[in-house]
N, C-alpha and C. Protein backbone atom coordinates (compact mmCIF):
# COMPACT_ATOMS: atom_id res chain seq x y z
N MET A 1 104.45 98.30 57.37
CA MET A 1 105.50 97.55 57.39
C MET A 1 105.08 96.01 57.10
N THR A 2 105.45 95.47 56.00
CA THR A 2 105.20 94.07 55.73
C THR A 2 106.34 93.25 56.06
N ILE A 3 106.12 92.04 56.69
CA ILE A 3 107.12 91.10 57.07
C ILE A 3 107.32 90.15 55.88
N THR A 4 108.40 90.17 55.33
CA THR A 4 108.72 89.12 54.27
C THR A 4 109.82 88.16 54.63
N THR A 5 110.66 88.55 55.63
CA THR A 5 111.78 87.88 56.07
C THR A 5 111.87 87.69 57.56
N VAL A 6 112.71 86.74 57.99
CA VAL A 6 112.88 86.72 59.38
C VAL A 6 113.62 87.88 59.90
N GLN A 7 114.44 88.54 59.11
CA GLN A 7 115.03 89.78 59.55
C GLN A 7 114.12 90.92 59.74
N ASP A 8 112.98 90.83 59.07
CA ASP A 8 111.99 91.88 59.33
C ASP A 8 111.24 91.71 60.60
N LEU A 9 111.35 90.41 61.12
CA LEU A 9 110.47 90.06 62.26
C LEU A 9 111.39 90.30 63.62
N VAL A 10 112.74 90.46 63.42
CA VAL A 10 113.64 90.56 64.57
C VAL A 10 113.32 91.85 65.34
N PRO A 11 113.07 93.07 64.77
CA PRO A 11 112.82 94.16 65.68
C PRO A 11 111.51 94.03 66.45
N VAL A 12 110.54 93.33 65.91
CA VAL A 12 109.29 93.11 66.61
C VAL A 12 109.57 92.15 67.77
N LEU A 13 110.33 91.16 67.53
CA LEU A 13 110.75 90.22 68.70
C LEU A 13 111.56 90.87 69.76
N GLN A 14 112.37 91.82 69.25
CA GLN A 14 113.23 92.64 70.29
C GLN A 14 112.32 93.48 71.18
N THR A 15 111.24 94.07 70.54
CA THR A 15 110.34 95.01 71.26
C THR A 15 109.48 94.12 72.09
N ALA A 16 109.12 92.87 71.80
CA ALA A 16 108.32 92.10 72.67
C ALA A 16 108.95 91.48 73.88
N ILE A 17 110.31 91.61 73.84
CA ILE A 17 111.07 90.92 74.96
C ILE A 17 110.80 91.73 76.20
N GLY A 18 110.63 93.02 76.24
CA GLY A 18 110.27 93.74 77.52
C GLY A 18 109.06 93.23 78.27
N PRO A 19 107.84 93.24 77.43
CA PRO A 19 106.66 92.68 77.99
C PRO A 19 106.83 91.26 78.46
N MET A 20 107.61 90.46 77.73
CA MET A 20 107.70 89.01 78.08
C MET A 20 108.44 88.91 79.48
N ILE A 21 109.42 89.73 79.70
CA ILE A 21 110.18 89.75 80.93
C ILE A 21 109.12 90.24 82.04
N LEU A 22 108.32 91.21 81.75
CA LEU A 22 107.22 91.67 82.69
C LEU A 22 106.35 90.50 83.12
N VAL A 23 105.93 89.66 82.16
CA VAL A 23 105.11 88.53 82.51
C VAL A 23 105.72 87.63 83.42
N SER A 24 107.10 87.35 83.18
CA SER A 24 107.88 86.49 84.02
C SER A 24 108.06 87.00 85.38
N GLY A 25 108.31 88.27 85.53
CA GLY A 25 108.35 88.86 86.79
C GLY A 25 107.04 88.97 87.62
N ILE A 26 105.89 89.19 86.89
CA ILE A 26 104.62 89.17 87.58
C ILE A 26 104.31 87.79 87.93
N GLY A 27 104.80 86.72 87.27
CA GLY A 27 104.59 85.44 87.62
C GLY A 27 105.17 85.10 89.06
N LEU A 28 106.38 85.57 89.28
CA LEU A 28 107.11 85.38 90.50
C LEU A 28 106.29 86.25 91.67
N LEU A 29 105.89 87.41 91.26
CA LEU A 29 105.05 88.20 92.28
C LEU A 29 103.79 87.46 92.64
N LEU A 30 103.10 86.96 91.63
CA LEU A 30 101.86 86.18 91.90
C LEU A 30 102.15 84.98 92.83
N LEU A 31 103.30 84.29 92.60
CA LEU A 31 103.64 83.23 93.39
C LEU A 31 103.82 83.57 94.79
N THR A 32 104.52 84.67 95.12
CA THR A 32 104.65 85.22 96.35
C THR A 32 103.39 85.55 97.07
N MET A 33 102.40 86.19 96.28
CA MET A 33 101.17 86.72 96.77
C MET A 33 100.32 85.44 97.14
N THR A 34 100.23 84.51 96.32
CA THR A 34 99.39 83.36 96.48
C THR A 34 99.97 82.58 97.73
N ASN A 35 101.21 82.49 97.88
CA ASN A 35 101.80 81.82 99.12
C ASN A 35 101.32 82.62 100.42
N ARG A 36 101.42 83.90 100.35
CA ARG A 36 100.88 84.72 101.41
C ARG A 36 99.43 84.44 101.76
N LEU A 37 98.70 84.43 100.68
CA LEU A 37 97.29 84.06 100.83
C LEU A 37 97.02 82.70 101.54
N GLY A 38 97.77 81.82 101.08
CA GLY A 38 97.74 80.45 101.73
C GLY A 38 98.01 80.40 103.07
N ARG A 39 99.12 81.22 103.49
CA ARG A 39 99.44 81.26 104.87
C ARG A 39 98.38 81.99 105.73
N ILE A 40 97.70 82.93 105.10
CA ILE A 40 96.61 83.69 105.89
C ILE A 40 95.51 82.73 106.08
N ILE A 41 95.13 81.89 105.22
CA ILE A 41 94.06 80.95 105.29
C ILE A 41 94.48 79.97 106.31
N ASP A 42 95.58 79.33 106.26
CA ASP A 42 96.09 78.38 107.19
C ASP A 42 96.23 78.90 108.61
N ARG A 43 96.64 80.11 108.71
CA ARG A 43 96.72 80.76 110.13
C ARG A 43 95.25 80.96 110.65
N SER A 44 94.33 81.30 109.79
CA SER A 44 92.92 81.62 110.19
C SER A 44 92.28 80.33 110.71
N ARG A 45 92.53 79.28 109.91
CA ARG A 45 91.99 77.99 110.31
C ARG A 45 92.63 77.47 111.72
N ALA A 46 93.85 77.65 111.86
CA ALA A 46 94.49 77.18 113.05
C ALA A 46 93.98 78.06 114.28
N LEU A 47 93.79 79.34 114.18
CA LEU A 47 93.30 80.05 115.22
C LEU A 47 91.86 79.77 115.57
N LEU A 48 91.06 79.35 114.54
CA LEU A 48 89.61 79.17 114.69
C LEU A 48 89.30 77.69 115.17
N ASP A 49 90.32 76.85 115.12
CA ASP A 49 90.08 75.45 115.54
C ASP A 49 89.94 75.49 117.07
N ASP A 50 89.03 74.77 117.60
CA ASP A 50 88.63 74.50 118.97
C ASP A 50 88.61 75.81 119.81
N LEU A 51 87.95 76.83 119.17
CA LEU A 51 87.89 78.18 119.69
C LEU A 51 86.85 78.12 120.98
N GLU A 52 85.88 77.22 120.86
CA GLU A 52 84.81 77.22 121.84
C GLU A 52 85.26 76.88 123.24
N ALA A 53 86.36 75.98 123.32
CA ALA A 53 86.78 75.47 124.50
C ALA A 53 87.84 76.40 125.28
N GLN A 54 87.88 77.61 124.74
CA GLN A 54 89.02 78.52 125.27
C GLN A 54 88.27 79.58 126.19
N PRO A 55 89.04 80.30 127.04
CA PRO A 55 88.49 81.33 127.93
C PRO A 55 88.08 82.55 127.07
N GLU A 56 87.35 83.48 127.65
CA GLU A 56 86.78 84.60 126.89
C GLU A 56 87.90 85.54 126.43
N SER A 57 88.94 85.80 127.33
CA SER A 57 90.00 86.62 126.90
C SER A 57 90.74 86.15 125.64
N TYR A 58 90.93 84.86 125.63
CA TYR A 58 91.58 84.22 124.55
C TYR A 58 90.74 84.40 123.20
N ILE A 59 89.48 84.21 123.38
CA ILE A 59 88.45 84.35 122.21
C ILE A 59 88.53 85.68 121.70
N ILE A 60 88.60 86.69 122.52
CA ILE A 60 88.61 88.20 122.09
C ILE A 60 89.97 88.30 121.37
N ARG A 61 90.98 87.90 121.84
CA ARG A 61 92.28 88.12 121.04
C ARG A 61 92.23 87.48 119.79
N ILE A 62 91.76 86.14 119.83
CA ILE A 62 91.74 85.44 118.43
C ILE A 62 90.84 86.17 117.52
N ASN A 63 89.66 86.69 117.93
CA ASN A 63 88.74 87.39 117.03
C ASN A 63 89.49 88.70 116.45
N ARG A 64 90.33 89.29 117.25
CA ARG A 64 90.96 90.48 116.78
C ARG A 64 92.08 90.04 115.72
N GLU A 65 92.77 88.97 115.98
CA GLU A 65 93.60 88.45 114.94
C GLU A 65 92.89 88.08 113.73
N VAL A 66 91.83 87.30 113.81
CA VAL A 66 91.11 86.78 112.60
C VAL A 66 90.46 87.95 111.81
N ASP A 67 90.16 89.08 112.47
CA ASP A 67 89.66 90.28 111.84
C ASP A 67 90.69 90.89 110.88
N ILE A 68 91.96 90.95 111.49
CA ILE A 68 93.10 91.38 110.68
C ILE A 68 93.44 90.52 109.60
N LEU A 69 93.41 89.19 109.79
CA LEU A 69 93.65 88.17 108.70
C LEU A 69 92.63 88.41 107.70
N TRP A 70 91.42 88.61 107.99
CA TRP A 70 90.33 88.76 107.07
C TRP A 70 90.66 89.96 106.00
N LYS A 71 91.13 91.07 106.77
CA LYS A 71 91.49 92.27 106.00
C LYS A 71 92.69 91.96 105.03
N ARG A 72 93.63 91.21 105.63
CA ARG A 72 94.86 90.82 104.83
C ARG A 72 94.37 90.01 103.61
N ALA A 73 93.57 89.11 103.87
CA ALA A 73 93.04 88.27 102.62
C ALA A 73 92.48 89.09 101.48
N ARG A 74 91.62 90.07 102.08
CA ARG A 74 91.01 90.96 101.04
C ARG A 74 92.12 91.70 100.27
N TYR A 75 93.03 92.21 101.04
CA TYR A 75 94.12 93.00 100.27
C TYR A 75 94.90 92.14 99.37
N ILE A 76 95.17 90.96 99.89
CA ILE A 76 96.06 90.01 98.92
C ILE A 76 95.15 89.64 97.78
N ARG A 77 94.01 89.44 98.00
CA ARG A 77 93.08 89.13 96.84
C ARG A 77 93.06 90.22 95.86
N MET A 78 92.95 91.38 96.26
CA MET A 78 93.03 92.50 95.36
C MET A 78 94.35 92.70 94.67
N ALA A 79 95.44 92.43 95.39
CA ALA A 79 96.67 92.52 94.78
C ALA A 79 96.95 91.47 93.72
N ILE A 80 96.48 90.25 93.94
CA ILE A 80 96.54 89.11 93.03
C ILE A 80 95.67 89.49 91.83
N LEU A 81 94.51 90.03 92.03
CA LEU A 81 93.69 90.39 90.80
C LEU A 81 94.42 91.43 90.08
N LEU A 82 94.95 92.44 90.63
CA LEU A 82 95.56 93.46 89.84
C LEU A 82 96.73 93.05 89.18
N ALA A 83 97.58 92.13 89.89
CA ALA A 83 98.82 91.63 89.26
C ALA A 83 98.40 90.76 88.08
N SER A 84 97.36 89.91 88.20
CA SER A 84 96.90 89.20 87.04
C SER A 84 96.44 90.11 85.82
N PHE A 85 95.88 91.18 86.20
CA PHE A 85 95.45 92.17 85.04
C PHE A 85 96.72 92.65 84.45
N THR A 86 97.79 92.86 85.20
CA THR A 86 98.94 93.37 84.63
C THR A 86 99.57 92.22 83.70
N CYS A 87 99.57 91.08 84.10
CA CYS A 87 100.09 89.99 83.29
C CYS A 87 99.15 89.87 81.96
N LEU A 88 97.90 89.97 82.07
CA LEU A 88 97.00 89.94 81.00
C LEU A 88 97.35 91.13 80.08
N GLY A 89 97.53 92.37 80.60
CA GLY A 89 97.92 93.60 79.77
C GLY A 89 99.18 93.31 79.02
N ALA A 90 100.18 92.79 79.72
CA ALA A 90 101.42 92.55 79.04
C ALA A 90 101.22 91.55 77.93
N SER A 91 100.55 90.48 78.20
CA SER A 91 100.25 89.54 77.16
C SER A 91 99.49 90.16 75.87
N MET A 92 98.53 91.01 76.24
CA MET A 92 97.81 91.76 75.13
C MET A 92 98.77 92.70 74.42
N LEU A 93 99.72 93.23 75.08
CA LEU A 93 100.71 94.11 74.46
C LEU A 93 101.54 93.39 73.45
N ILE A 94 101.97 92.25 73.79
CA ILE A 94 102.71 91.33 72.92
C ILE A 94 101.90 91.06 71.64
N ILE A 95 100.68 90.69 71.94
CA ILE A 95 99.79 90.31 70.77
C ILE A 95 99.59 91.54 69.89
N LEU A 96 99.35 92.72 70.55
CA LEU A 96 99.16 93.89 69.69
C LEU A 96 100.42 94.29 68.88
N LEU A 97 101.64 94.08 69.48
CA LEU A 97 102.89 94.44 68.70
C LEU A 97 102.93 93.53 67.53
N PHE A 98 102.71 92.29 67.65
CA PHE A 98 102.78 91.38 66.57
C PHE A 98 101.75 91.59 65.50
N PHE A 99 100.47 91.77 66.09
CA PHE A 99 99.32 92.03 65.13
C PHE A 99 99.53 93.33 64.40
N SER A 100 100.05 94.35 64.98
CA SER A 100 100.32 95.54 64.26
C SER A 100 101.27 95.46 63.12
N VAL A 101 102.29 94.66 63.26
CA VAL A 101 103.32 94.51 62.29
C VAL A 101 102.82 93.51 61.29
N LEU A 102 102.18 92.44 61.64
CA LEU A 102 101.77 91.48 60.58
C LEU A 102 100.50 92.06 59.73
N ALA A 103 99.66 92.84 60.40
CA ALA A 103 98.58 93.41 59.64
C ALA A 103 98.91 94.71 58.97
N GLY A 104 100.03 95.20 59.23
CA GLY A 104 100.42 96.51 58.77
C GLY A 104 99.60 97.69 59.34
N LEU A 105 99.22 97.63 60.61
CA LEU A 105 98.52 98.69 61.18
C LEU A 105 99.42 99.47 62.11
N ASP A 106 99.23 100.88 62.19
CA ASP A 106 99.87 101.64 62.95
C ASP A 106 99.07 102.09 64.15
N ILE A 107 99.13 101.29 65.43
CA ILE A 107 98.26 101.59 66.42
C ILE A 107 99.09 101.96 67.66
N PRO A 108 99.83 103.22 67.61
CA PRO A 108 100.54 103.43 68.85
C PRO A 108 99.64 103.80 69.96
N LEU A 109 98.54 104.43 69.78
CA LEU A 109 97.65 104.77 70.91
C LEU A 109 97.19 103.51 71.58
N ALA A 110 96.79 102.47 70.94
CA ALA A 110 96.31 101.21 71.63
C ALA A 110 97.45 100.51 72.41
N VAL A 111 98.73 100.52 71.80
CA VAL A 111 99.84 99.99 72.48
C VAL A 111 100.18 100.79 73.73
N THR A 112 100.20 102.11 73.63
CA THR A 112 100.49 102.88 74.81
C THR A 112 99.36 102.79 75.85
N THR A 113 98.09 102.73 75.46
CA THR A 113 97.13 102.65 76.45
C THR A 113 97.22 101.27 77.23
N VAL A 114 97.43 100.19 76.52
CA VAL A 114 97.58 98.89 77.23
C VAL A 114 98.77 98.94 78.09
N PHE A 115 99.88 99.54 77.66
CA PHE A 115 101.15 99.55 78.47
C PHE A 115 100.83 100.29 79.78
N ILE A 116 100.23 101.54 79.72
CA ILE A 116 100.00 102.46 80.72
C ILE A 116 98.99 101.81 81.76
N ALA A 117 97.96 101.13 81.24
CA ALA A 117 97.01 100.36 82.13
C ALA A 117 97.70 99.33 82.80
N SER A 118 98.55 98.60 82.19
CA SER A 118 99.31 97.52 82.84
C SER A 118 100.20 98.06 83.93
N MET A 119 100.88 99.17 83.75
CA MET A 119 101.75 99.69 84.75
C MET A 119 100.96 100.19 85.95
N PHE A 120 99.91 100.90 85.55
CA PHE A 120 98.95 101.39 86.68
C PHE A 120 98.39 100.17 87.52
N SER A 121 98.05 99.13 86.89
CA SER A 121 97.59 97.96 87.57
C SER A 121 98.69 97.37 88.47
N LEU A 122 99.91 97.23 87.94
CA LEU A 122 100.98 96.76 88.74
C LEU A 122 101.21 97.60 89.88
N SER A 123 101.18 99.01 89.72
CA SER A 123 101.45 99.85 90.87
C SER A 123 100.42 99.80 91.95
N CYS A 124 99.03 99.53 91.55
CA CYS A 124 97.99 99.40 92.46
C CYS A 124 98.18 98.07 93.22
N SER A 125 98.71 97.07 92.55
CA SER A 125 98.78 95.73 93.15
C SER A 125 99.89 95.84 94.18
N LEU A 126 100.92 96.51 93.87
CA LEU A 126 102.06 96.66 94.92
C LEU A 126 101.52 97.49 96.14
N VAL A 127 100.65 98.43 95.89
CA VAL A 127 100.18 99.16 97.08
C VAL A 127 99.32 98.22 97.90
N PHE A 128 98.52 97.39 97.39
CA PHE A 128 97.72 96.48 98.24
C PHE A 128 98.62 95.41 98.87
N PHE A 129 99.67 95.03 98.22
CA PHE A 129 100.66 94.15 98.83
C PHE A 129 101.29 94.82 100.07
N LEU A 130 101.64 96.01 99.87
CA LEU A 130 102.23 96.81 101.07
C LEU A 130 101.15 96.92 102.30
N PHE A 131 99.91 97.05 101.96
CA PHE A 131 98.88 97.11 102.93
C PHE A 131 98.78 95.85 103.68
N ASP A 132 98.92 94.60 102.95
CA ASP A 132 98.98 93.44 103.59
C ASP A 132 100.15 93.30 104.57
N VAL A 133 101.41 93.69 104.03
CA VAL A 133 102.50 93.63 104.90
C VAL A 133 102.42 94.49 106.14
N ASN A 134 101.73 95.72 106.04
CA ASN A 134 101.51 96.52 107.22
C ASN A 134 100.54 95.81 108.12
N LEU A 135 99.60 95.15 107.67
CA LEU A 135 98.56 94.44 108.56
C LEU A 135 99.26 93.29 109.20
N THR A 136 100.18 92.68 108.61
CA THR A 136 100.94 91.53 109.20
C THR A 136 101.56 92.00 110.49
N LEU A 137 102.12 93.23 110.57
CA LEU A 137 102.70 93.73 111.70
C LEU A 137 101.70 94.12 112.74
N ALA A 138 100.48 94.40 112.28
CA ALA A 138 99.39 94.69 113.32
C ALA A 138 99.08 93.31 113.99
N ALA A 139 98.99 92.31 113.38
CA ALA A 139 98.63 90.98 113.86
C ALA A 139 99.76 90.56 114.89
N LEU A 140 101.03 90.79 114.46
CA LEU A 140 102.12 90.47 115.31
C LEU A 140 102.09 91.34 116.64
N LYS A 141 101.60 92.46 116.50
CA LYS A 141 101.50 93.37 117.71
C LYS A 141 100.50 92.76 118.74
N ILE A 142 99.41 92.24 118.23
CA ILE A 142 98.47 91.58 119.05
C ILE A 142 99.00 90.33 119.75
N GLU A 143 99.78 89.55 119.03
CA GLU A 143 100.41 88.36 119.66
C GLU A 143 101.49 88.83 120.62
N ARG A 144 102.23 89.80 120.40
CA ARG A 144 103.26 90.27 121.25
C ARG A 144 102.62 90.87 122.58
N GLU A 145 101.49 91.47 122.54
CA GLU A 145 100.83 92.09 123.68
C GLU A 145 100.35 90.90 124.51
N SER A 146 99.87 89.81 123.95
CA SER A 146 99.44 88.74 124.65
C SER A 146 100.63 88.03 125.37
N HIS A 147 101.72 87.89 124.72
CA HIS A 147 102.92 87.29 125.18
C HIS A 147 103.36 88.15 126.40
N ASN A 148 103.38 89.41 126.21
CA ASN A 148 103.85 90.31 127.31
C ASN A 148 103.02 90.14 128.51
N ARG A 149 101.54 89.97 128.33
CA ARG A 149 100.80 89.84 129.49
C ARG A 149 101.07 88.47 130.19
N LYS A 150 101.26 87.43 129.40
CA LYS A 150 101.61 86.16 130.05
C LYS A 150 102.95 86.31 130.73
N ARG A 151 103.81 87.03 130.30
CA ARG A 151 105.28 87.04 130.96
C ARG A 151 105.14 87.77 132.24
N VAL A 152 104.24 88.95 132.28
CA VAL A 152 104.07 89.66 133.56
C VAL A 152 103.39 88.73 134.56
N ILE A 153 102.38 88.05 134.16
CA ILE A 153 101.70 87.07 135.16
C ILE A 153 102.70 86.11 135.68
N MET A 154 103.45 85.52 134.77
CA MET A 154 104.43 84.52 135.23
C MET A 154 105.38 85.09 136.23
N GLU A 155 105.99 86.36 136.06
CA GLU A 155 106.84 86.99 136.78
C GLU A 155 106.27 87.35 138.17
N THR A 156 104.99 87.58 138.28
CA THR A 156 104.37 87.97 139.45
C THR A 156 104.13 86.70 140.30
N LYS A 157 104.05 85.53 139.69
CA LYS A 157 103.74 84.31 140.46
C LYS A 157 105.10 83.76 141.00
N MET A 158 106.16 84.02 140.24
CA MET A 158 107.50 83.47 140.73
C MET A 158 108.10 84.20 141.97
N PRO A 159 108.63 83.36 142.78
CA PRO A 159 109.17 83.99 144.02
C PRO A 159 110.36 84.92 143.73
N LYS A 160 110.44 85.96 144.48
CA LYS A 160 111.58 86.92 144.21
C LYS A 160 112.82 86.34 144.80
N GLU A 161 114.00 86.80 144.13
CA GLU A 161 115.29 86.35 144.54
C GLU A 161 115.60 86.73 145.99
N GLY A 162 116.17 86.07 146.79
CA GLY A 162 116.55 86.51 148.14
C GLY A 162 115.53 86.25 149.09
N MET A 163 114.35 85.79 148.66
CA MET A 163 113.31 85.60 149.80
C MET A 163 113.61 84.43 150.67
N TRP A 164 114.38 83.59 150.18
CA TRP A 164 114.67 82.26 151.01
C TRP A 164 115.97 82.45 151.65
């Protein structure tokens, strides 16, 4: 197919709209993931600040939380990497679509391969994102356990009602 008029280009543009929307959606996903990574880093720094001056039980709890944050950071890093590959694949797909039309090449196998690889990368990225969300709950559980221990200690120190 040789393009001689703008009307010949319209079907190619219509076909390229899907991958362009994918790039836009992946951009929003990447924004969310990088924000989560920033929060992980900020939380780690806050927990590790002035750790030496704390009691041993506090240090043990903080080390548990930081270990979880480290795992989360690795999961989010992998999710960001895979989402970036998805975006790169969608961009390559758009280029392949235009190149195949402009050069008059019929390359459905290459287009299909790039599309499938992009979708596989996106799927894996979302799995790592879910791993991060799951670990967030594990870190919250550690904080909750610590809070519950403090509450029990405070309740045992308070005088019982009716003692006076």
